[in-house]
Amino acid sequence: MLLTDVVTALGLQVLTSGVDLDHEVRSGIVCDLLSVVLAKAQQNDLWITIQRHQNIVAVAKVTSVAGVILADGIIPEQAVIDRASKEEIPLLAAKESSFVVSGKLFALLSSGEE
């Protein structure tokens, strides 16, 4: 499923500008420990977190995730958004908790498997 379709289906707010949302999303990872994300995230995962500092951009870049969903209505500082835009990392915001967002993402991605 394309990231743009996930954004629409989950009602996510796109925080970064000029980023490509036409890449594949295959799965997801829900974690707030950067070391665990570095060890376990796979290319084309969507990372769901409540972390909002600059390091999320670096971790997203290294792991080649499809994007980062910030749950619980969290919006990072503009400097983080600007850095993510520069690095072409989609930062997305969700009002719901990580639990709810991950459940919706799982259902959405599972519905496409047949």
PDB file of N, CA and C in Angstrom:
ATOM      1  N   MET A   1       0.843  -1.165   0.000  1.00  0.00           N
ATOM      2  CA  MET A   1       0.000   0.000   0.000  1.00  0.00           C
ATOM      3  C   MET A   1       0.897   1.240   0.000  1.00  0.00           C
ATOM      4  N   LEU A   2       0.494   2.253  -0.723  1.00  0.00           N
ATOM      5  CA  LEU A   2       1.282   3.477  -0.782  1.00  0.00           C
ATOM      6  C   LEU A   2       1.053   4.344   0.453  1.00  0.00           C
ATOM      7  N   LEU A   3       2.097   5.061   0.850  1.00  0.00           N
ATOM      8  CA  LEU A   3       2.020   5.932   2.010  1.00  0.00           C
ATOM      9  C   LEU A   3       0.901   6.959   1.852  1.00  0.00           C
ATOM     10  N   THR A   4       0.719   7.491   0.686  1.00  0.00           N
ATOM     11  CA  THR A   4      -0.337   8.478   0.457  1.00  0.00           C
ATOM     12  C   THR A   4      -1.720   7.896   0.776  1.00  0.00           C
ATOM     13  N   ASP A   5      -1.911   6.611   0.467  1.00  0.00           N
ATOM     14  CA  ASP A   5      -3.182   5.949   0.783  1.00  0.00           C
ATOM     15  C   ASP A   5      -3.350   5.755   2.283  1.00  0.00           C
ATOM     16  N   VAL A   6      -2.253   5.452   2.980  1.00  0.00           N
ATOM     17  CA  VAL A   6      -2.292   5.299   4.432  1.00  0.00           C
ATOM     18  C   VAL A   6      -2.633   6.636   5.082  1.00  0.00           C
ATOM     19  N   VAL A   7      -2.018   7.701   4.600  1.00  0.00           N
ATOM     20  CA  VAL A   7      -2.275   9.042   5.137  1.00  0.00           C
ATOM     21  C   VAL A   7      -3.763   9.377   5.024  1.00  0.00           C
ATOM     22  N   THR A   8      -4.326   9.113   3.875  1.00  0.00           N
ATOM     23  CA  THR A   8      -5.751   9.397   3.659  1.00  0.00           C
ATOM     24  C   THR A   8      -6.631   8.517   4.535  1.00  0.00           C
ATOM     25  N   ALA A   9      -6.372   7.223   4.531  1.00  0.00           N
ATOM     26  CA  ALA A   9      -7.214   6.272   5.266  1.00  0.00           C
ATOM     27  C   ALA A   9      -7.183   6.514   6.773  1.00  0.00           C
ATOM     28  N   LEU A  10      -6.031   6.917   7.300  1.00  0.00           N
ATOM     29  CA  LEU A  10      -5.905   7.129   8.742  1.00  0.00           C
ATOM     30  C   LEU A  10      -6.132   8.584   9.152  1.00  0.00           C
ATOM     31  N   GLY A  11      -6.342   9.458   8.178  1.00  0.00           N
ATOM     32  CA  GLY A  11      -6.572  10.863   8.488  1.00  0.00           C
ATOM     33  C   GLY A  11      -5.379  11.536   9.127  1.00  0.00           C
ATOM     34  N   LEU A  12      -4.197  11.215   8.643  1.00  0.00           N
ATOM     35  CA  LEU A  12      -2.965  11.765   9.218  1.00  0.00           C
ATOM     36  C   LEU A  12      -2.679  13.158   8.662  1.00  0.00           C
ATOM     37  N   GLN A  13      -2.052  13.974   9.491  1.00  0.00           N
ATOM     38  CA  GLN A  13      -1.621  15.297   9.071  1.00  0.00           C
ATOM     39  C   GLN A  13      -0.175  15.198   8.597  1.00  0.00           C
ATOM     40  N   VAL A  14       0.100  15.650   7.390  1.00  0.00           N
ATOM     41  CA  VAL A  14       1.464  15.653   6.862  1.00  0.00           C
ATOM     42  C   VAL A  14       2.153  16.925   7.356  1.00  0.00           C
ATOM     43  N   LEU A  15       3.208  16.766   8.129  1.00  0.00           N
ATOM     44  CA  LEU A  15       3.911  17.903   8.718  1.00  0.00           C
ATOM     45  C   LEU A  15       5.037  18.422   7.839  1.00  0.00           C
ATOM     46  N   THR A  16       5.658  17.541   7.080  1.00  0.00           N
ATOM     47  CA  THR A  16       6.803  17.921   6.252  1.00  0.00           C
ATOM     48  C   THR A  16       6.322  18.390   4.886  1.00  0.00           C
ATOM     49  N   SER A  17       7.102  19.261   4.293  1.00  0.00           N
ATOM     50  CA  SER A  17       6.727  19.771   2.970  1.00  0.00           C
ATOM     51  C   SER A  17       7.671  19.216   1.908  1.00  0.00           C
ATOM     52  N   GLY A  18       7.125  19.013   0.734  1.00  0.00           N
ATOM     53  CA  GLY A  18       7.932  18.584  -0.402  1.00  0.00           C
ATOM     54  C   GLY A  18       8.437  17.160  -0.328  1.00  0.00           C
ATOM     55  N   VAL A  19       7.841  16.316   0.514  1.00  0.00           N
ATOM     56  CA  VAL A  19       8.290  14.928   0.604  1.00  0.00           C
ATOM     57  C   VAL A  19       7.401  14.038  -0.261  1.00  0.00           C
ATOM     58  N   ASP A  20       7.993  12.989  -0.765  1.00  0.00           N
ATOM     59  CA  ASP A  20       7.293  12.032  -1.619  1.00  0.00           C
ATOM     60  C   ASP A  20       6.506  11.056  -0.751  1.00  0.00           C
ATOM     61  N   LEU A  21       5.214  10.985  -0.986  1.00  0.00           N
ATOM     62  CA  LEU A  21       4.362  10.057  -0.239  1.00  0.00           C
ATOM     63  C   LEU A  21       3.995   8.839  -1.077  1.00  0.00           C
ATOM     64  N   ASP A  22       4.656   8.686  -2.199  1.00  0.00           N
ATOM     65  CA  ASP A  22       4.339   7.568  -3.091  1.00  0.00           C
ATOM     66  C   ASP A  22       5.305   6.409  -2.923  1.00  0.00           C
ATOM     67  N   HIS A  23       5.684   6.077  -1.678  1.00  0.00           N
ATOM     68  CA  HIS A  23       6.454   4.857  -1.492  1.00  0.00           C
ATOM     69  C   HIS A  23       5.622   3.830  -0.747  1.00  0.00           C
ATOM     70  N   GLU A  24       6.071   2.627  -0.898  1.00  0.00           N
ATOM     71  CA  GLU A  24       5.370   1.464  -0.341  1.00  0.00           C
ATOM     72  C   GLU A  24       5.484   1.415   1.182  1.00  0.00           C
ATOM     73  N   VAL A  25       4.381   1.073   1.820  1.00  0.00           N
ATOM     74  CA  VAL A  25       4.368   0.766   3.248  1.00  0.00           C
ATOM     75  C   VAL A  25       4.051  -0.717   3.361  1.00  0.00           C
ATOM     76  N   ARG A  26       4.936  -1.456   3.997  1.00  0.00           N
ATOM     77  CA  ARG A  26       4.735  -2.904   4.108  1.00  0.00           C
ATOM     78  C   ARG A  26       4.313  -3.344   5.495  1.00  0.00           C
ATOM     79  N   SER A  27       4.769  -2.632   6.526  1.00  0.00           N
ATOM     80  CA  SER A  27       4.474  -3.014   7.899  1.00  0.00           C
ATOM     81  C   SER A  27       4.695  -1.803   8.785  1.00  0.00           C
ATOM     82  N   GLY A  28       4.798  -2.026  10.080  1.00  0.00           N
ATOM     83  CA  GLY A  28       5.018  -0.924  10.997  1.00  0.00           C
ATOM     84  C   GLY A  28       5.801  -1.356  12.213  1.00  0.00           C
ATOM     85  N   ILE A  29       6.262  -0.365  12.940  1.00  0.00           N
ATOM     86  CA  ILE A  29       6.941  -0.592  14.205  1.00  0.00           C
ATOM     87  C   ILE A  29       6.460   0.491  15.163  1.00  0.00           C
ATOM     88  N   VAL A  30       6.120   0.075  16.375  1.00  0.00           N
ATOM     89  CA  VAL A  30       5.679   1.005  17.406  1.00  0.00           C
ATOM     90  C   VAL A  30       6.699   0.955  18.530  1.00  0.00           C
ATOM     91  N   CYS A  31       7.439   2.041  18.699  1.00  0.00           N
ATOM     92  CA  CYS A  31       8.499   2.029  19.702  1.00  0.00           C
ATOM     93  C   CYS A  31       8.980   3.448  19.967  1.00  0.00           C
ATOM     94  N   ASP A  32       9.339   3.699  21.221  1.00  0.00           N
ATOM     95  CA  ASP A  32       9.876   4.997  21.596  1.00  0.00           C
ATOM     96  C   ASP A  32      11.360   4.940  21.955  1.00  0.00           C
ATOM     97  N   LEU A  33      11.936   3.745  21.984  1.00  0.00           N
ATOM     98  CA  LEU A  33      13.369   3.601  22.235  1.00  0.00           C
ATOM     99  C   LEU A  33      14.114   3.576  20.906  1.00  0.00           C
ATOM    100  N   LEU A  34      14.922   4.581  20.673  1.00  0.00           N
ATOM    101  CA  LEU A  34      15.597   4.705  19.386  1.00  0.00           C
ATOM    102  C   LEU A  34      16.498   3.516  19.089  1.00  0.00           C
ATOM    103  N   SER A  35      17.156   2.980  20.095  1.00  0.00           N
ATOM    104  CA  SER A  35      18.048   1.840  19.882  1.00  0.00           C
ATOM    105  C   SER A  35      17.270   0.617  19.391  1.00  0.00           C
ATOM    106  N   VAL A  36      16.070   0.433  19.880  1.00  0.00           N
ATOM    107  CA  VAL A  36      15.242  -0.695  19.424  1.00  0.00           C
ATOM    108  C   VAL A  36      14.790  -0.462  17.988  1.00  0.00           C
ATOM    109  N   VAL A  37      14.412   0.753  17.675  1.00  0.00           N
ATOM    110  CA  VAL A  37      14.005   1.067  16.297  1.00  0.00           C
ATOM    111  C   VAL A  37      15.176   0.832  15.352  1.00  0.00           C
ATOM    112  N   LEU A  38      16.360   1.268  15.746  1.00  0.00           N
ATOM    113  CA  LEU A  38      17.549   1.044  14.915  1.00  0.00           C
ATOM    114  C   LEU A  38      17.789  -0.446  14.674  1.00  0.00           C
ATOM    115  N   ALA A  39      17.532  -1.257  15.674  1.00  0.00           N
ATOM    116  CA  ALA A  39      17.790  -2.694  15.571  1.00  0.00           C
ATOM    117  C   ALA A  39      16.688  -3.449  14.836  1.00  0.00           C
ATOM    118  N   LYS A  40      15.450  -2.981  14.911  1.00  0.00           N
ATOM    119  CA  LYS A  40      14.331  -3.789  14.434  1.00  0.00           C
ATOM    120  C   LYS A  40      13.547  -3.228  13.256  1.00  0.00           C
ATOM    121  N   ALA A  41      13.605  -1.937  13.018  1.00  0.00           N
ATOM    122  CA  ALA A  41      12.821  -1.355  11.915  1.00  0.00           C
ATOM    123  C   ALA A  41      13.319  -1.874  10.578  1.00  0.00           C
ATOM    124  N   GLN A  42      12.387  -2.098   9.697  1.00  0.00           N
ATOM    125  CA  GLN A  42      12.698  -2.581   8.352  1.00  0.00           C
ATOM    126  C   GLN A  42      12.388  -1.481   7.332  1.00  0.00           C
ATOM    127  N   GLN A  43      13.053  -1.547   6.208  1.00  0.00           N
ATOM    128  CA  GLN A  43      12.766  -0.617   5.125  1.00  0.00           C
ATOM    129  C   GLN A  43      11.278  -0.706   4.793  1.00  0.00           C
ATOM    130  N   ASN A  44      10.657   0.433   4.586  1.00  0.00           N
ATOM    131  CA  ASN A  44       9.233   0.562   4.229  1.00  0.00           C
ATOM    132  C   ASN A  44       8.278   0.326   5.384  1.00  0.00           C
ATOM    133  N   ASP A  45       8.784   0.219   6.616  1.00  0.00           N
ATOM    134  CA  ASP A  45       7.908   0.232   7.790  1.00  0.00           C
ATOM    135  C   ASP A  45       7.442   1.660   8.033  1.00  0.00           C
ATOM    136  N   LEU A  46       6.310   1.803   8.696  1.00  0.00           N
ATOM    137  CA  LEU A  46       5.912   3.090   9.252  1.00  0.00           C
ATOM    138  C   LEU A  46       6.218   3.030  10.740  1.00  0.00           C
ATOM    139  N   TRP A  47       6.952   4.011  11.231  1.00  0.00           N
ATOM    140  CA  TRP A  47       7.351   4.050  12.626  1.00  0.00           C
ATOM    141  C   TRP A  47       6.378   4.934  13.395  1.00  0.00           C
ATOM    142  N   ILE A  48       5.750   4.376  14.416  1.00  0.00           N
ATOM    143  CA  ILE A  48       4.822   5.109  15.272  1.00  0.00           C
ATOM    144  C   ILE A  48       5.519   5.370  16.602  1.00  0.00           C
ATOM    145  N   THR A  49       5.535   6.644  17.016  1.00  0.00           N
ATOM    146  CA  THR A  49       6.253   7.030  18.225  1.00  0.00           C
ATOM    147  C   THR A  49       5.637   8.274  18.848  1.00  0.00           C
ATOM    148  N   ILE A  50       6.069   8.582  20.060  1.00  0.00           N
ATOM    149  CA  ILE A  50       5.736   9.865  20.676  1.00  0.00           C
ATOM    150  C   ILE A  50       6.990  10.718  20.844  1.00  0.00           C
ATOM    151  N   GLN A  51       8.119  10.232  20.355  1.00  0.00           N
ATOM    152  CA  GLN A  51       9.356  11.024  20.391  1.00  0.00           C
ATOM    153  C   GLN A  51       9.216  12.186  19.419  1.00  0.00           C
ATOM    154  N   ARG A  52       9.780  13.329  19.769  1.00  0.00           N
ATOM    155  CA  ARG A  52       9.619  14.501  18.902  1.00  0.00           C
ATOM    156  C   ARG A  52      10.911  15.278  18.668  1.00  0.00           C
ATOM    157  N   HIS A  53      12.034  14.733  19.065  1.00  0.00           N
ATOM    158  CA  HIS A  53      13.295  15.452  18.954  1.00  0.00           C
ATOM    159  C   HIS A  53      14.006  15.149  17.631  1.00  0.00           C
ATOM    160  N   GLN A  54      15.088  15.869  17.382  1.00  0.00           N
ATOM    161  CA  GLN A  54      15.831  15.771  16.115  1.00  0.00           C
ATOM    162  C   GLN A  54      16.298  14.357  15.789  1.00  0.00           C
ATOM    163  N   ASN A  55      16.576  13.556  16.797  1.00  0.00           N
ATOM    164  CA  ASN A  55      17.125  12.224  16.552  1.00  0.00           C
ATOM    165  C   ASN A  55      16.158  11.299  15.805  1.00  0.00           C
ATOM    166  N   ILE A  56      14.869  11.581  15.849  1.00  0.00           N
ATOM    167  CA  ILE A  56      13.940  10.722  15.101  1.00  0.00           C
ATOM    168  C   ILE A  56      14.193  10.809  13.609  1.00  0.00           C
ATOM    169  N   VAL A  57      14.640  11.958  13.155  1.00  0.00           N
ATOM    170  CA  VAL A  57      14.929  12.124  11.724  1.00  0.00           C
ATOM    171  C   VAL A  57      16.137  11.282  11.347  1.00  0.00           C
ATOM    172  N   ALA A  58      17.171  11.311  12.155  1.00  0.00           N
ATOM    173  CA  ALA A  58      18.374  10.516  11.876  1.00  0.00           C
ATOM    174  C   ALA A  58      18.057   9.026  11.888  1.00  0.00           C
ATOM    175  N   VAL A  59      17.289   8.577  12.867  1.00  0.00           N
ATOM    176  CA  VAL A  59      16.928   7.158  12.952  1.00  0.00           C
ATOM    177  C   VAL A  59      16.076   6.760  11.753  1.00  0.00           C
ATOM    178  N   ALA A  60      15.141   7.599  11.368  1.00  0.00           N
ATOM    179  CA  ALA A  60      14.295   7.307  10.199  1.00  0.00           C
ATOM    180  C   ALA A  60      15.140   7.205   8.930  1.00  0.00           C
ATOM    181  N   LYS A  61      16.114   8.070   8.797  1.00  0.00           N
ATOM    182  CA  LYS A  61      16.984   8.055   7.614  1.00  0.00           C
ATOM    183  C   LYS A  61      17.820   6.769   7.571  1.00  0.00           C
ATOM    184  N   VAL A  62      18.427   6.409   8.691  1.00  0.00           N
ATOM    185  CA  VAL A  62      19.286   5.221   8.754  1.00  0.00           C
ATOM    186  C   VAL A  62      18.491   3.941   8.486  1.00  0.00           C
ATOM    187  N   THR A  63      17.279   3.866   9.002  1.00  0.00           N
ATOM    188  CA  THR A  63      16.482   2.641   8.873  1.00  0.00           C
ATOM    189  C   THR A  63      15.672   2.576   7.584  1.00  0.00           C
ATOM    190  N   SER A  64      15.600   3.676   6.850  1.00  0.00           N
ATOM    191  CA  SER A  64      14.831   3.741   5.592  1.00  0.00           C
ATOM    192  C   SER A  64      13.353   3.418   5.778  1.00  0.00           C
ATOM    193  N   VAL A  65      12.791   3.866   6.914  1.00  0.00           N
ATOM    194  CA  VAL A  65      11.358   3.679   7.105  1.00  0.00           C
ATOM    195  C   VAL A  65      10.604   4.559   6.114  1.00  0.00           C
ATOM    196  N   ALA A  66       9.361   4.195   5.855  1.00  0.00           N
ATOM    197  CA  ALA A  66       8.537   4.948   4.903  1.00  0.00           C
ATOM    198  C   ALA A  66       8.130   6.298   5.462  1.00  0.00           C
ATOM    199  N   GLY A  67       8.110   6.408   6.788  1.00  0.00           N
ATOM    200  CA  GLY A  67       7.729   7.654   7.426  1.00  0.00           C
ATOM    201  C   GLY A  67       7.615   7.454   8.925  1.00  0.00           C
ATOM    202  N   VAL A  68       7.386   8.568   9.621  1.00  0.00           N
ATOM    203  CA  VAL A  68       7.252   8.554  11.069  1.00  0.00           C
ATOM    204  C   VAL A  68       5.897   9.150  11.424  1.00  0.00           C
ATOM    205  N   ILE A  69       5.102   8.382  12.173  1.00  0.00           N
ATOM    206  CA  ILE A  69       3.825   8.883  12.674  1.00  0.00           C
ATOM    207  C   ILE A  69       4.017   9.272  14.132  1.00  0.00           C
ATOM    208  N   LEU A  70       3.749  10.520  14.433  1.00  0.00           N
ATOM    209  CA  LEU A  70       3.792  11.014  15.803  1.00  0.00           C
ATOM    210  C   LEU A  70       2.380  10.914  16.365  1.00  0.00           C
ATOM    211  N   ALA A  71       2.213  10.095  17.377  1.00  0.00           N
ATOM    212  CA  ALA A  71       0.895   9.822  17.950  1.00  0.00           C
ATOM    213  C   ALA A  71       0.554  10.827  19.051  1.00  0.00           C
ATOM    214  N   ASP A  72      -0.649  10.714  19.574  1.00  0.00           N
ATOM    215  CA  ASP A  72      -1.132  11.525  20.702  1.00  0.00           C
ATOM    216  C   ASP A  72      -1.160  13.025  20.419  1.00  0.00           C
ATOM    217  N   GLY A  73      -1.292  13.393  19.155  1.00  0.00           N
ATOM    218  CA  GLY A  73      -1.375  14.812  18.811  1.00  0.00           C
ATOM    219  C   GLY A  73      -0.073  15.570  18.964  1.00  0.00           C
ATOM    220  N   ILE A  74       1.024  14.841  19.058  1.00  0.00           N
ATOM    221  CA  ILE A  74       2.335  15.473  19.254  1.00  0.00           C
ATOM    222  C   ILE A  74       2.817  16.109  17.955  1.00  0.00           C
ATOM    223  N   ILE A  75       3.235  17.356  18.067  1.00  0.00           N
ATOM    224  CA  ILE A  75       3.819  18.083  16.944  1.00  0.00           C
ATOM    225  C   ILE A  75       5.211  18.526  17.391  1.00  0.00           C
ATOM    226  N   PRO A  76       6.246  18.174  16.632  1.00  0.00           N
ATOM    227  CA  PRO A  76       7.601  18.581  17.036  1.00  0.00           C
ATOM    228  C   PRO A  76       7.850  20.057  16.739  1.00  0.00           C
ATOM    229  N   GLU A  77       8.966  20.545  17.238  1.00  0.00           N
ATOM    230  CA  GLU A  77       9.373  21.919  16.941  1.00  0.00           C
ATOM    231  C   GLU A  77       9.619  22.060  15.436  1.00  0.00           C
ATOM    232  N   GLN A  78       9.520  23.285  14.962  1.00  0.00           N
ATOM    233  CA  GLN A  78       9.682  23.550  13.530  1.00  0.00           C
ATOM    234  C   GLN A  78      11.052  23.094  13.024  1.00  0.00           C
ATOM    235  N   ALA A  79      12.082  23.194  13.839  1.00  0.00           N
ATOM    236  CA  ALA A  79      13.431  22.767  13.415  1.00  0.00           C
ATOM    237  C   ALA A  79      13.458  21.285  13.062  1.00  0.00           C
ATOM    238  N   VAL A  80      12.708  20.476  13.790  1.00  0.00           N
ATOM    239  CA  VAL A  80      12.640  19.037  13.505  1.00  0.00           C
ATOM    240  C   VAL A  80      11.891  18.809  12.191  1.00  0.00           C
ATOM    241  N   ILE A  81      10.797  19.512  12.008  1.00  0.00           N
ATOM    242  CA  ILE A  81      10.021  19.397  10.765  1.00  0.00           C
ATOM    243  C   ILE A  81      10.868  19.827   9.575  1.00  0.00           C
ATOM    244  N   ASP A  82      11.599  20.926   9.721  1.00  0.00           N
ATOM    245  CA  ASP A  82      12.460  21.422   8.637  1.00  0.00           C
ATOM    246  C   ASP A  82      13.554  20.420   8.295  1.00  0.00           C
ATOM    247  N   ARG A  83      14.154  19.825   9.315  1.00  0.00           N
ATOM    248  CA  ARG A  83      15.211  18.833   9.071  1.00  0.00           C
ATOM    249  C   ARG A  83      14.633  17.606   8.365  1.00  0.00           C
ATOM    250  N   ALA A  84      13.464  17.158   8.793  1.00  0.00           N
ATOM    251  CA  ALA A  84      12.827  16.015   8.142  1.00  0.00           C
ATOM    252  C   ALA A  84      12.503  16.327   6.690  1.00  0.00           C
ATOM    253  N   SER A  85      12.032  17.540   6.427  1.00  0.00           N
ATOM    254  CA  SER A  85      11.745  17.943   5.042  1.00  0.00           C
ATOM    255  C   SER A  85      13.018  17.908   4.208  1.00  0.00           C
ATOM    256  N   LYS A  86      14.112  18.435   4.765  1.00  0.00           N
ATOM    257  CA  LYS A  86      15.401  18.452   4.066  1.00  0.00           C
ATOM    258  C   LYS A  86      15.888  17.032   3.774  1.00  0.00           C
ATOM    259  N   GLU A  87      15.699  16.128   4.727  1.00  0.00           N
ATOM    260  CA  GLU A  87      16.130  14.734   4.573  1.00  0.00           C
ATOM    261  C   GLU A  87      15.103  13.871   3.829  1.00  0.00           C
ATOM    262  N   GLU A  88      13.978  14.493   3.444  1.00  0.00           N
ATOM    263  CA  GLU A  88      12.898  13.805   2.716  1.00  0.00           C
ATOM    264  C   GLU A  88      12.298  12.653   3.514  1.00  0.00           C
ATOM    265  N   ILE A  89      12.113  12.895   4.810  1.00  0.00           N
ATOM    266  CA  ILE A  89      11.486  11.930   5.713  1.00  0.00           C
ATOM    267  C   ILE A  89      10.069  12.422   5.998  1.00  0.00           C
ATOM    268  N   PRO A  90       9.047  11.691   5.602  1.00  0.00           N
ATOM    269  CA  PRO A  90       7.685  12.112   5.923  1.00  0.00           C
ATOM    270  C   PRO A  90       7.423  12.040   7.433  1.00  0.00           C
ATOM    271  N   LEU A  91       7.078  13.168   8.020  1.00  0.00           N
ATOM    272  CA  LEU A  91       6.612  13.229   9.401  1.00  0.00           C
ATOM    273  C   LEU A  91       5.107  13.427   9.352  1.00  0.00           C
ATOM    274  N   LEU A  92       4.405  12.557  10.045  1.00  0.00           N
ATOM    275  CA  LEU A  92       2.945  12.558  10.019  1.00  0.00           C
ATOM    276  C   LEU A  92       2.430  12.646  11.443  1.00  0.00           C
ATOM    277  N   ALA A  93       1.314  13.312  11.647  1.00  0.00           N
ATOM    278  CA  ALA A  93       0.763  13.456  12.993  1.00  0.00           C
ATOM    279  C   ALA A  93      -0.607  12.791  13.070  1.00  0.00           C
ATOM    280  N   ALA A  94      -0.836  12.119  14.193  1.00  0.00           N
ATOM    281  CA  ALA A  94      -2.124  11.481  14.472  1.00  0.00           C
ATOM    282  C   ALA A  94      -2.613  11.960  15.826  1.00  0.00           C
ATOM    283  N   LYS A  95      -3.893  12.189  15.955  1.00  0.00           N
ATOM    284  CA  LYS A  95      -4.465  12.618  17.232  1.00  0.00           C
ATOM    285  C   LYS A  95      -4.593  11.446  18.203  1.00  0.00           C
ATOM    286  N   GLU A  96      -4.759  10.237  17.668  1.00  0.00           N
ATOM    287  CA  GLU A  96      -4.971   9.055  18.505  1.00  0.00           C
ATOM    288  C   GLU A  96      -3.673   8.572  19.138  1.00  0.00           C
ATOM    289  N   SER A  97      -3.823   7.681  20.110  1.00  0.00           N
ATOM    290  CA  SER A  97      -2.676   7.077  20.792  1.00  0.00           C
ATOM    291  C   SER A  97      -1.930   6.131  19.850  1.00  0.00           C
ATOM    292  N   SER A  98      -0.726   5.769  20.246  1.00  0.00           N
ATOM    293  CA  SER A  98       0.054   4.793  19.481  1.00  0.00           C
ATOM    294  C   SER A  98      -0.709   3.481  19.334  1.00  0.00           C
ATOM    295  N   PHE A  99      -1.390   3.071  20.392  1.00  0.00           N
ATOM    296  CA  PHE A  99      -2.171   1.834  20.385  1.00  0.00           C
ATOM    297  C   PHE A  99      -3.242   1.870  19.299  1.00  0.00           C
ATOM    298  N   VAL A 100      -4.006   2.943  19.259  1.00  0.00           N
ATOM    299  CA  VAL A 100      -5.092   3.069  18.285  1.00  0.00           C
ATOM    300  C   VAL A 100      -4.535   3.165  16.868  1.00  0.00           C
ATOM    301  N   VAL A 101      -3.518   3.987  16.678  1.00  0.00           N
ATOM    302  CA  VAL A 101      -2.929   4.154  15.346  1.00  0.00           C
ATOM    303  C   VAL A 101      -2.361   2.833  14.843  1.00  0.00           C
ATOM    304  N   SER A 102      -1.668   2.101  15.705  1.00  0.00           N
ATOM    305  CA  SER A 102      -1.081   0.830  15.264  1.00  0.00           C
ATOM    306  C   SER A 102      -2.169  -0.179  14.918  1.00  0.00           C
ATOM    307  N   GLY A 103      -3.259  -0.193  15.666  1.00  0.00           N
ATOM    308  CA  GLY A 103      -4.369  -1.091  15.340  1.00  0.00           C
ATOM    309  C   GLY A 103      -4.984  -0.755  13.999  1.00  0.00           C
ATOM    310  N   LYS A 104      -5.185   0.528  13.746  1.00  0.00           N
ATOM    311  CA  LYS A 104      -5.758   0.954  12.465  1.00  0.00           C
ATOM    312  C   LYS A 104      -4.813   0.631  11.306  1.00  0.00           C
ATOM    313  N   LEU A 105      -3.510   0.855  11.524  1.00  0.00           N
ATOM    314  CA  LEU A 105      -2.535   0.560  10.478  1.00  0.00           C
ATOM    315  C   LEU A 105      -2.485  -0.933  10.197  1.00  0.00           C
ATOM    316  N   PHE A 106      -2.494  -1.735  11.247  1.00  0.00           N
ATOM    317  CA  PHE A 106      -2.486  -3.190  11.074  1.00  0.00           C
ATOM    318  C   PHE A 106      -3.710  -3.649  10.285  1.00  0.00           C
ATOM    319  N   ALA A 107      -4.879  -3.139  10.649  1.00  0.00           N
ATOM    320  CA  ALA A 107      -6.119  -3.531   9.944  1.00  0.00           C
ATOM    321  C   ALA A 107      -6.053  -3.089   8.479  1.00  0.00           C
ATOM    322  N   LEU A 108      -5.561  -1.904   8.239  1.00  0.00           N
ATOM    323  CA  LEU A 108      -5.472  -1.384   6.879  1.00  0.00           C
ATOM    324  C   LEU A 108      -4.525  -2.210   6.022  1.00  0.00           C
ATOM    325  N   LEU A 109      -3.350  -2.511   6.557  1.00  0.00           N
ATOM    326  CA  LEU A 109      -2.368  -3.287   5.785  1.00  0.00           C
ATOM    327  C   LEU A 109      -2.813  -4.742   5.636  1.00  0.00           C
ATOM    328  N   SER A 110      -3.468  -5.268   6.626  1.00  0.00           N
ATOM    329  CA  SER A 110      -3.951  -6.663   6.562  1.00  0.00           C
ATOM    330  C   SER A 110      -5.088  -6.827   5.564  1.00  0.00           C
ATOM    331  N   SER A 111      -5.894  -5.790   5.398  1.00  0.00           N
ATOM    332  CA  SER A 111      -7.025  -5.886   4.470  1.00  0.00           C
ATOM    333  C   SER A 111      -6.559  -5.988   3.024  1.00  0.00           C
ATOM    334  N   GLY A 112      -5.337  -5.534   2.740  1.00  0.00           N
ATOM    335  CA  GLY A 112      -4.797  -5.614   1.393  1.00  0.00           C
ATOM    336  C   GLY A 112      -4.153  -6.941   1.066  1.00  0.00           C
ATOM    337  N   GLU A 113      -3.981  -7.810   2.073  1.00  0.00           N
ATOM    338  CA  GLU A 113      -3.350  -9.117   1.863  1.00  0.00           C
ATOM    339  C   GLU A 113      -4.405 -10.155   1.514  1.00  0.00           C
ATOM    340  N   GLU A 114      -4.231 -10.783   0.400  1.00  0.00           N
ATOM    341  CA  GLU A 114      -5.162 -11.852   0.024  1.00  0.00           C
ATOM    342  C   GLU A 114      -4.490 -12.852  -0.862  1.00  0.00           C
TER     343      GLU A 114
END
